[in-house]
Amino acid sequence: MAQVGVYPVPSCRECGLESAGRCTVCRRSLCIDHFGFEDHNPCAARLARHAADTICYVCGVPVRPQQWSTSIFAHYIDSGACAGCGRYICTERHTRLRGEQVELVRDHLRSHRYHRVTRYCSVCAPLRGIGGLLGAGRWAALLSSAGALAFLIATKAL
């Protein structure tokens, strides 16, 4: 007779050992040794295919997105991209602001901490309160649409 409410611990898709967490990109269950992007097959192949695309937009230095685990429940993710515009920026010279957000994710009876590194380039850093360069564009589109709508309503009222 099966026990109700007992969840087996998922195993690593690469080696079969106990899973430490899920990859943030391909969503596969992976152990600590295979959690990095370079250490499991779908993400390693994707990184190799897009190596020419992951360069700093300012200086052209290669940027490597990274993720790693320090324990079975703590995982670190650094996409290498600016949180405001989405373009890749190098850590040493062109990251103006850098922060860390912690996300707690339940996995049946366990929970995992995903520490996400957020970085901003020099263009998006002053605009980080409204979402960076892309957020400023969204706000500008929204305000111009509201202005155009108000103008059309005002001209029909006259």
C-alpha atoms as a PDB file:
ATOM      1  CA  MET A   1       0.000   0.000   0.000  1.00  0.00           C
ATOM      2  CA  ALA A   2       1.445   3.368  -1.041  1.00  0.00           C
ATOM      3  CA  GLN A   3       1.763   6.129   1.520  1.00  0.00           C
ATOM      4  CA  VAL A   4      -0.234   9.236   0.767  1.00  0.00           C
ATOM      5  CA  GLY A   5       1.644  12.554   0.805  1.00  0.00           C
ATOM      6  CA  VAL A   6       5.157  11.112   0.465  1.00  0.00           C
ATOM      7  CA  TYR A   7       7.110  12.705  -2.360  1.00  0.00           C
ATOM      8  CA  PRO A   8      10.272  11.095  -3.665  1.00  0.00           C
ATOM      9  CA  VAL A   9      13.312  13.336  -4.028  1.00  0.00           C
ATOM     10  CA  PRO A  10      13.921  13.956  -7.730  1.00  0.00           C
ATOM     11  CA  SER A  11      17.173  12.691  -9.196  1.00  0.00           C
ATOM     12  CA  CYS A  12      19.693  14.507 -11.360  1.00  0.00           C
ATOM     13  CA  ARG A  13      18.970  14.212 -15.092  1.00  0.00           C
ATOM     14  CA  GLU A  14      22.696  13.889 -15.835  1.00  0.00           C
ATOM     15  CA  CYS A  15      23.999  11.372 -13.273  1.00  0.00           C
ATOM     16  CA  GLY A  16      21.024  10.071 -11.281  1.00  0.00           C
ATOM     17  CA  LEU A  17      22.156  11.333  -7.850  1.00  0.00           C
ATOM     18  CA  GLU A  18      19.883  13.330  -5.538  1.00  0.00           C
ATOM     19  CA  SER A  19      18.755  16.559  -7.149  1.00  0.00           C
ATOM     20  CA  ALA A  20      19.842  19.856  -5.601  1.00  0.00           C
ATOM     21  CA  GLY A  21      17.515  22.083  -7.619  1.00  0.00           C
ATOM     22  CA  ARG A  22      16.186  22.940 -11.048  1.00  0.00           C
ATOM     23  CA  CYS A  23      18.058  24.769 -13.775  1.00  0.00           C
ATOM     24  CA  THR A  24      16.558  28.213 -14.288  1.00  0.00           C
ATOM     25  CA  VAL A  25      16.676  27.873 -18.087  1.00  0.00           C
ATOM     26  CA  CYS A  26      15.910  24.256 -19.043  1.00  0.00           C
ATOM     27  CA  ARG A  27      14.011  23.403 -15.792  1.00  0.00           C
ATOM     28  CA  ARG A  28      15.750  20.007 -15.392  1.00  0.00           C
ATOM     29  CA  SER A  29      16.423  18.600 -11.930  1.00  0.00           C
ATOM     30  CA  LEU A  30      20.192  18.639 -11.349  1.00  0.00           C
ATOM     31  CA  CYS A  31      22.686  17.795  -8.595  1.00  0.00           C
ATOM     32  CA  ILE A  32      25.252  20.274  -7.254  1.00  0.00           C
ATOM     33  CA  ASP A  33      27.934  19.015  -9.658  1.00  0.00           C
ATOM     34  CA  HIS A  34      25.761  19.476 -12.763  1.00  0.00           C
ATOM     35  CA  PHE A  35      23.906  22.682 -11.773  1.00  0.00           C
ATOM     36  CA  GLY A  36      26.217  25.025 -13.712  1.00  0.00           C
ATOM     37  CA  PHE A  37      25.300  25.997 -17.264  1.00  0.00           C
ATOM     38  CA  GLU A  38      28.497  24.414 -18.608  1.00  0.00           C
ATOM     39  CA  ASP A  39      27.886  21.161 -16.698  1.00  0.00           C
ATOM     40  CA  HIS A  40      24.645  19.897 -18.227  1.00  0.00           C
ATOM     41  CA  ASN A  41      23.892  19.162 -21.822  1.00  0.00           C
ATOM     42  CA  PRO A  42      21.094  21.416 -23.114  1.00  0.00           C
ATOM     43  CA  CYS A  43      22.451  24.610 -21.549  1.00  0.00           C
ATOM     44  CA  ALA A  44      26.106  23.869 -22.395  1.00  0.00           C
ATOM     45  CA  ALA A  45      25.192  23.407 -26.057  1.00  0.00           C
ATOM     46  CA  ARG A  46      23.134  26.622 -26.025  1.00  0.00           C
ATOM     47  CA  LEU A  47      26.039  28.576 -24.486  1.00  0.00           C
ATOM     48  CA  ALA A  48      28.408  27.219 -27.135  1.00  0.00           C
ATOM     49  CA  ARG A  49      25.998  28.132 -29.967  1.00  0.00           C
ATOM     50  CA  HIS A  50      25.433  31.677 -28.668  1.00  0.00           C
ATOM     51  CA  ALA A  51      28.988  32.477 -27.546  1.00  0.00           C
ATOM     52  CA  ALA A  52      29.246  35.263 -30.126  1.00  0.00           C
ATOM     53  CA  ASP A  53      26.024  36.857 -28.813  1.00  0.00           C
ATOM     54  CA  THR A  54      27.054  36.992 -25.145  1.00  0.00           C
ATOM     55  CA  ILE A  55      29.500  39.887 -25.326  1.00  0.00           C
ATOM     56  CA  CYS A  56      29.535  43.221 -23.474  1.00  0.00           C
ATOM     57  CA  TYR A  57      27.654  45.744 -25.606  1.00  0.00           C
ATOM     58  CA  VAL A  58      30.110  48.503 -24.636  1.00  0.00           C
ATOM     59  CA  CYS A  59      33.570  46.933 -24.986  1.00  0.00           C
ATOM     60  CA  GLY A  60      32.993  43.564 -26.692  1.00  0.00           C
ATOM     61  CA  VAL A  61      34.485  41.403 -23.914  1.00  0.00           C
ATOM     62  CA  PRO A  62      32.908  37.902 -23.729  1.00  0.00           C
ATOM     63  CA  VAL A  63      30.364  37.558 -20.902  1.00  0.00           C
ATOM     64  CA  ARG A  64      29.545  34.108 -19.524  1.00  0.00           C
ATOM     65  CA  PRO A  65      26.160  33.623 -17.834  1.00  0.00           C
ATOM     66  CA  GLN A  66      26.743  31.520 -14.719  1.00  0.00           C
ATOM     67  CA  GLN A  67      24.877  29.529 -12.133  1.00  0.00           C
ATOM     68  CA  TRP A  68      26.332  27.471  -9.304  1.00  0.00           C
ATOM     69  CA  SER A  69      25.356  25.833  -6.020  1.00  0.00           C
ATOM     70  CA  THR A  70      27.077  26.146  -2.670  1.00  0.00           C
ATOM     71  CA  SER A  71      24.845  23.601  -0.943  1.00  0.00           C
ATOM     72  CA  ILE A  72      21.836  21.429  -1.706  1.00  0.00           C
ATOM     73  CA  PHE A  73      19.454  24.348  -1.081  1.00  0.00           C
ATOM     74  CA  ALA A  74      21.428  27.510  -2.042  1.00  0.00           C
ATOM     75  CA  HIS A  75      21.865  28.337  -5.723  1.00  0.00           C
ATOM     76  CA  TYR A  76      23.366  31.420  -7.360  1.00  0.00           C
ATOM     77  CA  ILE A  77      22.365  32.733 -10.779  1.00  0.00           C
ATOM     78  CA  ASP A  78      24.118  35.501 -12.732  1.00  0.00           C
ATOM     79  CA  SER A  79      22.751  36.022 -16.229  1.00  0.00           C
ATOM     80  CA  GLY A  80      25.408  38.612 -17.109  1.00  0.00           C
ATOM     81  CA  ALA A  81      22.736  40.868 -18.591  1.00  0.00           C
ATOM     82  CA  CYS A  82      21.574  44.315 -17.502  1.00  0.00           C
ATOM     83  CA  ALA A  83      18.250  44.121 -15.645  1.00  0.00           C
ATOM     84  CA  GLY A  84      17.100  47.359 -17.268  1.00  0.00           C
ATOM     85  CA  CYS A  85      17.799  46.795 -20.968  1.00  0.00           C
ATOM     86  CA  GLY A  86      18.635  43.082 -21.221  1.00  0.00           C
ATOM     87  CA  ARG A  87      21.969  43.621 -22.990  1.00  0.00           C
ATOM     88  CA  TYR A  88      25.051  41.753 -21.769  1.00  0.00           C
ATOM     89  CA  ILE A  89      27.576  43.805 -19.774  1.00  0.00           C
ATOM     90  CA  CYS A  90      30.977  42.905 -18.351  1.00  0.00           C
ATOM     91  CA  THR A  91      31.400  42.731 -14.586  1.00  0.00           C
ATOM     92  CA  GLU A  92      34.682  44.577 -14.224  1.00  0.00           C
ATOM     93  CA  ARG A  93      34.209  47.785 -16.215  1.00  0.00           C
ATOM     94  CA  HIS A  94      30.621  48.371 -17.266  1.00  0.00           C
ATOM     95  CA  THR A  95      28.423  47.116 -14.427  1.00  0.00           C
ATOM     96  CA  ARG A  96      27.489  50.299 -12.599  1.00  0.00           C
ATOM     97  CA  LEU A  97      25.138  48.832  -9.966  1.00  0.00           C
ATOM     98  CA  ARG A  98      25.008  45.266  -8.760  1.00  0.00           C
ATOM     99  CA  GLY A  99      22.583  43.702  -6.303  1.00  0.00           C
ATOM    100  CA  GLU A 100      21.191  40.354  -5.263  1.00  0.00           C
ATOM    101  CA  GLN A 101      17.604  39.178  -4.949  1.00  0.00           C
ATOM    102  CA  VAL A 102      16.702  36.015  -3.067  1.00  0.00           C
ATOM    103  CA  GLU A 103      13.809  33.882  -4.278  1.00  0.00           C
ATOM    104  CA  LEU A 104      12.483  31.005  -2.141  1.00  0.00           C
ATOM    105  CA  VAL A 105      10.995  28.134  -4.137  1.00  0.00           C
ATOM    106  CA  ARG A 106       9.197  25.150  -2.586  1.00  0.00           C
ATOM    107  CA  ASP A 107       9.905  21.760  -4.076  1.00  0.00           C
ATOM    108  CA  HIS A 108       7.468  19.380  -2.372  1.00  0.00           C
ATOM    109  CA  LEU A 109       8.796  19.107   1.197  1.00  0.00           C
ATOM    110  CA  ARG A 110      12.055  20.972   0.507  1.00  0.00           C
ATOM    111  CA  SER A 111      12.695  24.576  -0.335  1.00  0.00           C
ATOM    112  CA  HIS A 112      15.470  26.182  -2.340  1.00  0.00           C
ATOM    113  CA  ARG A 113      17.028  29.648  -2.229  1.00  0.00           C
ATOM    114  CA  TYR A 114      17.868  31.083  -5.613  1.00  0.00           C
ATOM    115  CA  HIS A 115      20.151  34.122  -5.280  1.00  0.00           C
ATOM    116  CA  ARG A 116      19.795  36.143  -8.489  1.00  0.00           C
ATOM    117  CA  VAL A 117      22.446  38.725  -9.272  1.00  0.00           C
ATOM    118  CA  THR A 118      20.920  41.863 -10.791  1.00  0.00           C
ATOM    119  CA  ARG A 119      23.161  44.336 -12.540  1.00  0.00           C
ATOM    120  CA  TYR A 120      22.604  47.633 -14.297  1.00  0.00           C
ATOM    121  CA  CYS A 121      24.681  49.392 -16.959  1.00  0.00           C
ATOM    122  CA  SER A 122      25.473  53.098 -16.744  1.00  0.00           C
ATOM    123  CA  VAL A 123      22.486  53.986 -18.959  1.00  0.00           C
ATOM    124  CA  CYS A 124      19.910  52.017 -16.937  1.00  0.00           C
ATOM    125  CA  ALA A 125      21.263  52.675 -13.429  1.00  0.00           C
ATOM    126  CA  PRO A 126      19.597  56.115 -13.033  1.00  0.00           C
ATOM    127  CA  LEU A 127      16.335  54.647 -14.392  1.00  0.00           C
ATOM    128  CA  ARG A 128      16.283  51.497 -12.239  1.00  0.00           C
ATOM    129  CA  GLY A 129      13.269  52.747 -10.227  1.00  0.00           C
ATOM    130  CA  ILE A 130      11.053  52.604 -13.320  1.00  0.00           C
ATOM    131  CA  GLY A 131      12.566  49.443 -14.828  1.00  0.00           C
ATOM    132  CA  GLY A 132      15.639  50.736 -16.636  1.00  0.00           C
ATOM    133  CA  LEU A 133      15.697  51.742 -20.271  1.00  0.00           C
ATOM    134  CA  LEU A 134      12.925  49.335 -21.283  1.00  0.00           C
ATOM    135  CA  GLY A 135      10.725  50.477 -18.395  1.00  0.00           C
ATOM    136  CA  ALA A 136      11.251  54.125 -19.381  1.00  0.00           C
ATOM    137  CA  GLY A 137      10.189  53.231 -22.928  1.00  0.00           C
ATOM    138  CA  ARG A 138       7.051  51.530 -21.632  1.00  0.00           C
ATOM    139  CA  TRP A 139       6.189  54.540 -19.479  1.00  0.00           C
ATOM    140  CA  ALA A 140       6.794  56.909 -22.427  1.00  0.00           C
ATOM    141  CA  ALA A 141       4.520  54.806 -24.661  1.00  0.00           C
ATOM    142  CA  LEU A 142       1.832  54.706 -21.983  1.00  0.00           C
ATOM    143  CA  LEU A 143       1.962  58.463 -21.366  1.00  0.00           C
ATOM    144  CA  SER A 144       1.978  59.313 -25.071  1.00  0.00           C
ATOM    145  CA  SER A 145      -1.007  56.987 -25.650  1.00  0.00           C
ATOM    146  CA  ALA A 146      -2.872  58.620 -22.761  1.00  0.00           C
ATOM    147  CA  GLY A 147      -2.007  62.066 -24.136  1.00  0.00           C
ATOM    148  CA  ALA A 148      -3.205  61.129 -27.624  1.00  0.00           C
ATOM    149  CA  LEU A 149      -6.425  59.702 -26.183  1.00  0.00           C
ATOM    150  CA  ALA A 150      -7.003  62.858 -24.129  1.00  0.00           C
ATOM    151  CA  PHE A 151      -6.362  65.001 -27.224  1.00  0.00           C
ATOM    152  CA  LEU A 152      -8.838  62.984 -29.299  1.00  0.00           C
ATOM    153  CA  ILE A 153     -11.478  63.214 -26.582  1.00  0.00           C
ATOM    154  CA  ALA A 154     -10.920  66.962 -26.210  1.00  0.00           C
ATOM    155  CA  THR A 155     -11.168  67.636 -29.963  1.00  0.00           C
ATOM    156  CA  LYS A 156     -14.414  65.667 -30.291  1.00  0.00           C
ATOM    157  CA  ALA A 157     -15.910  67.554 -27.349  1.00  0.00           C
ATOM    158  CA  LEU A 158     -15.416  70.918 -29.083  1.00  0.00           C
END
